Amino acid sequence: MGYTGPVMNAIATENIVIGVLASIGVLVLLVMVVYVVRQMFSQKGE
């Protein structure tokens, strides 16, 4: 049971990194979607 400490910390750090990467990916996707929609609407406006 003594080895659970470092292992749990490594897993927690990995989960944090994955969560940060996932949230950044979602933000980038949202920005791209908003940009594309705006481009489409601006082209229709012309």
Protein backbone atom coordinates (compact mmCIF):
# COMPACT_ATOMS: atom_id res chain seq x y z
CA MET A 1 0.00 0.00 0.00
CA GLY A 2 3.02 2.28 0.38
CA TYR A 3 3.35 2.79 -3.38
CA THR A 4 -0.21 4.16 -3.84
CA GLY A 5 0.84 7.73 -2.95
CA PRO A 6 3.09 8.55 -5.92
CA VAL A 7 0.92 6.50 -8.28
CA MET A 8 -2.23 8.38 -7.27
CA ASN A 9 -0.40 11.71 -7.66
CA ALA A 10 0.76 10.71 -11.15
CA ILE A 11 -2.78 9.69 -12.13
CA ALA A 12 -4.19 12.94 -10.72
CA THR A 13 -1.60 15.01 -12.63
CA GLU A 14 -2.39 13.06 -15.80
CA ASN A 15 -6.12 13.68 -15.35
CA ILE A 16 -5.48 17.40 -14.80
CA VAL A 17 -3.35 17.60 -17.97
CA ILE A 18 -6.00 15.70 -19.97
CA GLY A 19 -8.73 17.96 -18.57
CA VAL A 20 -6.80 21.13 -19.46
CA LEU A 21 -6.07 19.85 -22.98
CA ALA A 22 -9.71 18.85 -23.44
CA SER A 23 -11.03 22.23 -22.27
CA ILE A 24 -8.56 24.06 -24.56
CA GLY A 25 -9.67 21.87 -27.47
CA VAL A 26 -13.34 22.63 -26.75
CA LEU A 27 -12.61 26.37 -26.55
CA VAL A 28 -10.72 26.28 -29.87
CA LEU A 29 -13.62 24.37 -31.49
CA LEU A 30 -16.16 26.91 -30.19
CA VAL A 31 -14.07 29.84 -31.47
CA MET A 32 -13.73 28.18 -34.90
CA VAL A 33 -17.49 27.48 -35.08
CA VAL A 34 -18.33 31.07 -34.13
CA TYR A 35 -15.81 32.37 -36.70
CA VAL A 36 -17.20 30.17 -39.49
CA VAL A 37 -20.81 31.14 -38.67
CA ARG A 38 -19.88 34.83 -38.67
CA GLN A 39 -18.11 34.43 -42.04
CA MET A 40 -21.20 32.73 -43.49
CA PHE A 41 -23.54 35.45 -42.19
CA SER A 42 -21.27 38.27 -43.40
CA GLN A 43 -21.11 36.69 -46.88
CA LYS A 44 -24.92 36.35 -46.95
CA GLY A 45 -25.21 39.99 -45.84
CA GLU A 46 -23.23 41.12 -48.88
